[in-house]
Amino acid sequence: MLSLSPAIRIFVHALPTDMRKHFNGLSAIVTHSFGMDVLRGDYFVFLNRVQNRCKILYWDRDGLVVWAKRLERGRFQLPSGRDAASLAIEVDAVTLAMMIGGVDLDSARRRKRYQAAAG
């Protein structure tokens, strides 16, 4: 299982991804579709069309890492709440852990917490 700091930014690709892609193919999606640099240390999550496979790409100090999981039964859930024009859905470490762990994101409720004003 991944151990994530709350400071890490995590982006889920909103479109299905060909799971044959590996380091270079996933990096190209990050660069061209997200308009981001994979070397910044952010995590990039990709799901296939059937949503039973997941890959996470991230930079780990001295090289790229691809973490992969294939479900034998069930599906990963794409988080809701994305902007229609955006291909990336930003989530936090808790949401990613729930996605990977099979929690229904629609029925899970978050309790109110302090949030700094955007500005």
N, C-alpha and C. Protein backbone atom coordinates (compact mmCIF):
# COMPACT_ATOMS: atom_id res chain seq x y z
N MET A 1 0.84 -1.18 0.00
CA MET A 1 0.00 0.00 0.00
C MET A 1 0.88 1.23 0.00
N LEU A 2 0.39 2.28 -0.58
CA LEU A 2 1.12 3.54 -0.64
C LEU A 2 1.03 4.27 0.69
N SER A 3 2.10 4.91 1.07
CA SER A 3 2.10 5.76 2.26
C SER A 3 2.27 7.19 1.78
N LEU A 4 1.24 8.02 1.95
CA LEU A 4 1.24 9.35 1.37
C LEU A 4 1.21 10.44 2.42
N SER A 5 1.98 11.47 2.19
CA SER A 5 1.96 12.66 3.02
C SER A 5 0.76 13.51 2.61
N PRO A 6 0.15 14.20 3.56
CA PRO A 6 -0.97 15.09 3.19
C PRO A 6 -0.53 16.24 2.29
N ALA A 7 0.78 16.52 2.21
CA ALA A 7 1.28 17.62 1.40
C ALA A 7 1.38 17.26 -0.09
N ILE A 8 1.30 15.98 -0.42
CA ILE A 8 1.43 15.54 -1.81
C ILE A 8 0.16 15.86 -2.57
N ARG A 9 0.34 16.41 -3.77
CA ARG A 9 -0.81 16.68 -4.64
C ARG A 9 -1.05 15.45 -5.50
N ILE A 10 -2.33 15.07 -5.64
CA ILE A 10 -2.71 13.86 -6.36
C ILE A 10 -3.74 14.25 -7.42
N PHE A 11 -3.48 13.81 -8.65
CA PHE A 11 -4.37 14.12 -9.76
C PHE A 11 -4.83 12.82 -10.41
N VAL A 12 -6.15 12.69 -10.59
CA VAL A 12 -6.73 11.52 -11.25
C VAL A 12 -7.09 11.92 -12.68
N HIS A 13 -6.63 11.14 -13.64
CA HIS A 13 -6.95 11.41 -15.04
C HIS A 13 -8.42 11.05 -15.27
N ALA A 14 -9.20 11.97 -15.79
CA ALA A 14 -10.64 11.79 -15.92
C ALA A 14 -11.04 10.89 -17.09
N LEU A 15 -10.14 10.66 -18.02
CA LEU A 15 -10.44 9.83 -19.18
C LEU A 15 -9.82 8.45 -19.01
N PRO A 16 -10.40 7.42 -19.62
CA PRO A 16 -9.80 6.08 -19.56
C PRO A 16 -8.41 6.08 -20.19
N THR A 17 -7.52 5.28 -19.63
CA THR A 17 -6.14 5.20 -20.10
C THR A 17 -5.83 3.78 -20.54
N ASP A 18 -5.07 3.67 -21.61
CA ASP A 18 -4.59 2.37 -22.08
C ASP A 18 -3.57 1.86 -21.06
N MET A 19 -3.87 0.76 -20.39
CA MET A 19 -3.01 0.25 -19.33
C MET A 19 -1.74 -0.42 -19.86
N ARG A 20 -1.57 -0.47 -21.18
CA ARG A 20 -0.30 -0.95 -21.73
C ARG A 20 0.77 0.12 -21.60
N LYS A 21 0.34 1.36 -21.37
CA LYS A 21 1.30 2.45 -21.20
C LYS A 21 2.07 2.26 -19.90
N HIS A 22 3.35 2.65 -19.94
CA HIS A 22 4.17 2.56 -18.74
C HIS A 22 4.83 3.91 -18.51
N PHE A 23 6.07 3.95 -18.13
CA PHE A 23 6.72 5.20 -17.73
C PHE A 23 6.58 6.31 -18.78
N ASN A 24 7.04 6.06 -20.00
CA ASN A 24 7.05 7.10 -21.02
C ASN A 24 5.65 7.49 -21.47
N GLY A 25 4.78 6.52 -21.68
CA GLY A 25 3.42 6.82 -22.12
C GLY A 25 2.62 7.59 -21.09
N LEU A 26 2.73 7.19 -19.83
CA LEU A 26 2.02 7.90 -18.76
C LEU A 26 2.61 9.30 -18.55
N SER A 27 3.93 9.41 -18.65
CA SER A 27 4.57 10.73 -18.53
C SER A 27 4.09 11.67 -19.63
N ALA A 28 3.91 11.13 -20.84
CA ALA A 28 3.43 11.95 -21.95
C ALA A 28 2.01 12.46 -21.68
N ILE A 29 1.17 11.63 -21.07
CA ILE A 29 -0.19 12.09 -20.72
C ILE A 29 -0.11 13.22 -19.71
N VAL A 30 0.76 13.08 -18.71
CA VAL A 30 0.91 14.13 -17.70
C VAL A 30 1.35 15.43 -18.36
N THR A 31 2.31 15.34 -19.25
CA THR A 31 2.85 16.54 -19.90
C THR A 31 1.84 17.18 -20.85
N HIS A 32 1.23 16.37 -21.71
CA HIS A 32 0.38 16.93 -22.77
C HIS A 32 -1.07 17.16 -22.34
N SER A 33 -1.66 16.22 -21.61
CA SER A 33 -3.07 16.38 -21.21
C SER A 33 -3.22 17.26 -19.97
N PHE A 34 -2.35 17.04 -18.98
CA PHE A 34 -2.46 17.81 -17.74
C PHE A 34 -1.71 19.14 -17.83
N GLY A 35 -0.70 19.20 -18.70
CA GLY A 35 0.13 20.40 -18.78
C GLY A 35 1.00 20.55 -17.55
N MET A 36 1.43 19.42 -16.96
CA MET A 36 2.21 19.44 -15.73
C MET A 36 3.54 18.73 -15.94
N ASP A 37 4.45 18.93 -15.00
CA ASP A 37 5.75 18.29 -15.03
C ASP A 37 5.74 17.12 -14.06
N VAL A 38 5.97 15.91 -14.55
CA VAL A 38 5.94 14.71 -13.71
C VAL A 38 7.07 14.73 -12.66
N LEU A 39 8.10 15.52 -12.89
CA LEU A 39 9.25 15.56 -11.97
C LEU A 39 9.00 16.44 -10.74
N ARG A 40 7.83 17.06 -10.64
CA ARG A 40 7.51 17.91 -9.48
C ARG A 40 7.24 17.10 -8.21
N GLY A 41 6.95 15.82 -8.35
CA GLY A 41 6.68 15.00 -7.18
C GLY A 41 5.21 14.75 -6.92
N ASP A 42 4.34 15.24 -7.80
CA ASP A 42 2.91 14.98 -7.66
C ASP A 42 2.63 13.53 -8.05
N TYR A 43 1.47 13.02 -7.63
CA TYR A 43 1.03 11.66 -7.99
C TYR A 43 -0.03 11.78 -9.07
N PHE A 44 0.06 10.91 -10.08
CA PHE A 44 -0.88 10.92 -11.19
C PHE A 44 -1.52 9.54 -11.29
N VAL A 45 -2.85 9.51 -11.19
CA VAL A 45 -3.60 8.26 -11.14
C VAL A 45 -4.33 8.05 -12.46
N PHE A 46 -4.25 6.84 -12.97
CA PHE A 46 -4.87 6.48 -14.25
C PHE A 46 -5.71 5.22 -14.07
N LEU A 47 -6.91 5.22 -14.67
CA LEU A 47 -7.79 4.05 -14.66
C LEU A 47 -8.07 3.64 -16.10
N ASN A 48 -8.32 2.35 -16.30
CA ASN A 48 -8.69 1.90 -17.64
C ASN A 48 -10.19 2.11 -17.86
N ARG A 49 -10.66 1.78 -19.05
CA ARG A 49 -12.07 2.01 -19.41
C ARG A 49 -13.01 1.22 -18.51
N VAL A 50 -12.67 -0.02 -18.20
CA VAL A 50 -13.51 -0.88 -17.37
C VAL A 50 -13.38 -0.52 -15.88
N GLN A 51 -12.36 0.23 -15.54
CA GLN A 51 -12.06 0.70 -14.18
C GLN A 51 -11.74 -0.44 -13.22
N ASN A 52 -11.10 -1.49 -13.75
CA ASN A 52 -10.65 -2.56 -12.86
C ASN A 52 -9.12 -2.58 -12.75
N ARG A 53 -8.47 -1.63 -13.41
CA ARG A 53 -7.02 -1.49 -13.32
C ARG A 53 -6.67 -0.05 -13.02
N CYS A 54 -5.64 0.11 -12.21
CA CYS A 54 -5.21 1.44 -11.77
C CYS A 54 -3.68 1.49 -11.83
N LYS A 55 -3.16 2.60 -12.32
CA LYS A 55 -1.72 2.85 -12.26
C LYS A 55 -1.51 4.23 -11.68
N ILE A 56 -0.49 4.34 -10.86
CA ILE A 56 -0.11 5.62 -10.27
C ILE A 56 1.33 5.90 -10.65
N LEU A 57 1.58 7.06 -11.22
CA LEU A 57 2.91 7.48 -11.64
C LEU A 57 3.38 8.61 -10.74
N TYR A 58 4.61 8.51 -10.24
CA TYR A 58 5.16 9.60 -9.46
C TYR A 58 6.68 9.58 -9.50
N TRP A 59 7.28 10.71 -9.19
CA TRP A 59 8.73 10.87 -9.14
C TRP A 59 9.18 10.64 -7.71
N ASP A 60 10.18 9.77 -7.55
CA ASP A 60 10.69 9.44 -6.21
C ASP A 60 12.17 9.77 -6.12
N ARG A 61 12.50 11.01 -5.94
CA ARG A 61 13.85 11.56 -5.77
C ARG A 61 14.83 11.27 -6.89
N ASP A 62 14.91 10.02 -7.34
CA ASP A 62 15.91 9.70 -8.35
C ASP A 62 15.36 8.89 -9.52
N GLY A 63 14.05 8.78 -9.62
CA GLY A 63 13.48 8.05 -10.74
C GLY A 63 11.97 7.99 -10.67
N LEU A 64 11.37 7.63 -11.80
CA LEU A 64 9.92 7.48 -11.86
C LEU A 64 9.51 6.13 -11.28
N VAL A 65 8.34 6.12 -10.65
CA VAL A 65 7.77 4.90 -10.08
C VAL A 65 6.38 4.72 -10.68
N VAL A 66 6.06 3.49 -11.06
CA VAL A 66 4.70 3.15 -11.47
C VAL A 66 4.19 2.09 -10.51
N TRP A 67 3.11 2.43 -9.83
CA TRP A 67 2.43 1.51 -8.91
C TRP A 67 1.19 1.02 -9.65
N ALA A 68 0.93 -0.26 -9.63
CA ALA A 68 -0.21 -0.80 -10.38
C ALA A 68 -1.03 -1.75 -9.52
N LYS A 69 -2.35 -1.77 -9.79
CA LYS A 69 -3.24 -2.71 -9.11
C LYS A 69 -4.31 -3.16 -10.10
N ARG A 70 -4.56 -4.46 -10.13
CA ARG A 70 -5.61 -5.04 -10.96
C ARG A 70 -6.60 -5.73 -10.03
N LEU A 71 -7.87 -5.34 -10.14
CA LEU A 71 -8.91 -5.96 -9.33
C LEU A 71 -9.38 -7.24 -9.98
N GLU A 72 -9.55 -8.28 -9.20
CA GLU A 72 -10.09 -9.53 -9.70
C GLU A 72 -11.61 -9.45 -9.79
N ARG A 73 -12.21 -8.61 -8.96
CA ARG A 73 -13.66 -8.40 -8.98
C ARG A 73 -13.93 -6.98 -8.51
N GLY A 74 -14.90 -6.34 -9.11
CA GLY A 74 -15.25 -4.98 -8.72
C GLY A 74 -14.58 -3.95 -9.61
N ARG A 75 -14.79 -2.68 -9.25
CA ARG A 75 -14.27 -1.56 -10.04
C ARG A 75 -13.77 -0.47 -9.12
N PHE A 76 -12.80 0.29 -9.61
CA PHE A 76 -12.40 1.52 -8.95
C PHE A 76 -13.44 2.58 -9.29
N GLN A 77 -13.60 3.54 -8.41
CA GLN A 77 -14.58 4.60 -8.65
C GLN A 77 -13.85 5.90 -8.95
N LEU A 78 -14.23 6.52 -10.03
CA LEU A 78 -13.69 7.82 -10.39
C LEU A 78 -14.33 8.87 -9.48
N PRO A 79 -13.53 9.72 -8.84
CA PRO A 79 -14.14 10.74 -7.98
C PRO A 79 -14.96 11.74 -8.79
N SER A 80 -16.02 12.23 -8.21
CA SER A 80 -16.87 13.21 -8.90
C SER A 80 -16.37 14.62 -8.60
N GLY A 81 -17.02 15.58 -9.21
CA GLY A 81 -16.71 16.97 -8.90
C GLY A 81 -15.63 17.58 -9.75
N ARG A 82 -15.49 17.10 -10.97
CA ARG A 82 -14.46 17.70 -11.82
C ARG A 82 -15.08 18.79 -12.67
N ASP A 83 -14.27 19.74 -13.05
CA ASP A 83 -14.65 20.78 -13.98
C ASP A 83 -14.77 20.13 -15.36
N ALA A 84 -15.80 20.44 -16.11
CA ALA A 84 -16.05 19.79 -17.40
C ALA A 84 -14.89 19.97 -18.37
N ALA A 85 -14.14 21.07 -18.27
CA ALA A 85 -13.04 21.34 -19.20
C ALA A 85 -11.74 20.68 -18.74
N SER A 86 -11.69 20.23 -17.51
CA SER A 86 -10.45 19.70 -16.95
C SER A 86 -10.35 18.20 -17.13
N LEU A 87 -9.14 17.74 -17.47
CA LEU A 87 -8.90 16.30 -17.57
C LEU A 87 -8.36 15.73 -16.27
N ALA A 88 -8.04 16.60 -15.32
CA ALA A 88 -7.46 16.16 -14.05
C ALA A 88 -8.40 16.49 -12.90
N ILE A 89 -8.60 15.50 -12.04
CA ILE A 89 -9.39 15.69 -10.83
C ILE A 89 -8.41 15.66 -9.67
N GLU A 90 -8.29 16.76 -8.94
CA GLU A 90 -7.37 16.76 -7.80
C GLU A 90 -8.08 16.17 -6.58
N VAL A 91 -7.42 15.21 -5.93
CA VAL A 91 -7.96 14.57 -4.74
C VAL A 91 -6.90 14.60 -3.64
N ASP A 92 -7.31 14.29 -2.43
CA ASP A 92 -6.35 14.21 -1.33
C ASP A 92 -5.98 12.75 -1.08
N ALA A 93 -5.02 12.54 -0.19
CA ALA A 93 -4.51 11.19 0.09
C ALA A 93 -5.61 10.28 0.64
N VAL A 94 -6.52 10.82 1.43
CA VAL A 94 -7.61 10.02 2.00
C VAL A 94 -8.53 9.51 0.89
N THR A 95 -8.88 10.38 -0.05
CA THR A 95 -9.74 9.98 -1.16
C THR A 95 -9.07 8.91 -2.01
N LEU A 96 -7.77 9.07 -2.27
CA LEU A 96 -7.05 8.05 -3.04
C LEU A 96 -7.05 6.72 -2.29
N ALA A 97 -6.83 6.74 -1.00
CA ALA A 97 -6.84 5.51 -0.20
C ALA A 97 -8.22 4.86 -0.25
N MET A 98 -9.28 5.66 -0.21
CA MET A 98 -10.63 5.11 -0.31
C MET A 98 -10.88 4.51 -1.69
N MET A 99 -10.41 5.18 -2.74
CA MET A 99 -10.56 4.66 -4.10
C MET A 99 -9.89 3.29 -4.22
N ILE A 100 -8.65 3.21 -3.77
CA ILE A 100 -7.89 1.96 -3.88
C ILE A 100 -8.47 0.88 -2.97
N GLY A 101 -9.02 1.30 -1.83
CA GLY A 101 -9.58 0.35 -0.87
C GLY A 101 -10.99 -0.11 -1.16
N GLY A 102 -11.63 0.46 -2.18
CA GLY A 102 -12.96 0.00 -2.57
C GLY A 102 -14.11 0.67 -1.86
N VAL A 103 -13.88 1.81 -1.24
CA VAL A 103 -14.95 2.53 -0.55
C VAL A 103 -15.79 3.28 -1.59
N ASP A 104 -17.11 3.25 -1.43
CA ASP A 104 -18.00 4.00 -2.31
C ASP A 104 -17.87 5.48 -1.98
N LEU A 105 -17.30 6.23 -2.90
CA LEU A 105 -17.02 7.65 -2.65
C LEU A 105 -18.29 8.48 -2.57
N ASP A 106 -19.37 8.03 -3.20
CA ASP A 106 -20.62 8.78 -3.16
C ASP A 106 -21.33 8.67 -1.81
N SER A 107 -21.19 7.52 -1.15
CA SER A 107 -21.88 7.34 0.12
C SER A 107 -21.02 7.75 1.32
N ALA A 108 -19.72 7.88 1.12
CA ALA A 108 -18.84 8.30 2.22
C ALA A 108 -19.04 9.80 2.45
N ARG A 109 -19.23 10.18 3.69
CA ARG A 109 -19.41 11.59 4.02
C ARG A 109 -18.22 12.08 4.83
N ARG A 110 -17.82 13.30 4.55
CA ARG A 110 -16.74 13.93 5.33
C ARG A 110 -17.37 14.85 6.36
N ARG A 111 -16.81 14.82 7.53
CA ARG A 111 -17.26 15.75 8.55
C ARG A 111 -16.63 17.11 8.30
N LYS A 112 -17.27 18.16 8.79
CA LYS A 112 -16.78 19.51 8.58
C LYS A 112 -15.43 19.68 9.27
N ARG A 113 -14.53 20.33 8.56
CA ARG A 113 -13.20 20.64 9.06
C ARG A 113 -12.84 22.06 8.67
N TYR A 114 -11.85 22.60 9.35
CA TYR A 114 -11.37 23.93 9.02
C TYR A 114 -10.74 23.91 7.64
N GLN A 115 -10.99 24.95 6.87
CA GLN A 115 -10.40 25.09 5.55
C GLN A 115 -9.99 26.53 5.38
N ALA A 116 -8.73 26.76 5.04
CA ALA A 116 -8.24 28.12 4.83
C ALA A 116 -8.96 28.74 3.64
N ALA A 117 -9.19 30.03 3.72
CA ALA A 117 -9.86 30.75 2.63
C ALA A 117 -8.97 30.74 1.39
N ALA A 118 -9.59 30.50 0.24
CA ALA A 118 -8.82 30.50 -1.02
C ALA A 118 -8.45 31.94 -1.34
N GLY A 119 -7.24 32.11 -1.79
CA GLY A 119 -6.88 33.48 -2.12
C GLY A 119 -5.55 33.66 -2.64
